[in-house]
Amino acid sequence: MLKKLVSIALTIFLSLCLVTVDAATPEQTADKAVLAYAELYTYGTSENESATGLPKEISDELKKNVNAQCMLSFYNYPLNKENFEKVHAKYTEKIREVIKISARLKVDDPENPVVELTANHIDQKGIDELKISNGNFVTLDVMKHISQPAELATDGQFQNVATSAILEVIDKLPLTGSTTLDVTCKMIEYEGNFYWMPQDLKSLSEFVAPFFQLKETDPELIDNLLAQIFGGANQTEKPAENTQENSTKE
């Protein structure tokens, strides 16, 4: 929902305030503008933010959206406010440390320059393997299976185990190699100033988005595990039924 709202806000802003122009020279280069957008969508901040020309209220909403979207990675393991902030701080720090982004001008066109954007990414397959190797997540999924969501917020054991397990995933965050994306830009004007902007913001944002998912353990596996733990009583019922059937036959 947040992502859609920010997308709508950007669309309205661009349609009302920005006018595509042909004969002007932006103060910032196209590669710097693309890098700024990429950093905003990845880190939620950029030292080159002025190259985008976005007004503060729009860029602030974009930053909030990025942070919110990143934290959806851990949505399946609800944390209380204190632990949420601890995980968020660690995740933000890690992303800025390990996700490397660069941009270079590939086609120097006066109207539609093309920038080659390069970035590495979080490896979802590696996340899945890392989660499986950490047995604490199975414990957490069992606790979720037999508890109400509201109970988990005040369950000290769940909060401690979940925070520790998530921080371990962040610390060992698996990455893929770098890939590239060609970003075609257009010139825009806002309040008398000229800027370069990617023509396709959606493709750029999806290319650099540092999102992944800590998937829950298969519910069927959890059911089987609980059946093994609590199945003793069930196993004694069948012989009783057989005994009754046998006595009836006799």
Foldseek 3Di string as FASTA:
>chain_A
DLVVVLVVVVVVCCVPFKDFDQDDDFPDDQQLLLQQLLCCLQLVGDPSVVQVVDDPVSSNSSSVSLLVQQLVQLVVQDEAPVLSVVLSVLLSVLSVVPKDKGKDFDAPDSFKTKIKIKIKAFDQVVLQVLLVVDVLLLVLLLCPVPDDPVVLHVPPVSNVSSSVSSSVCSVVGDIDHMDIDIFIWGWIDGPRGIHIDTPDSPVSSVVNRHHYHPDHDDVVVSVVVVCVVPVPVVVVVVVVVVVVVVVVVD
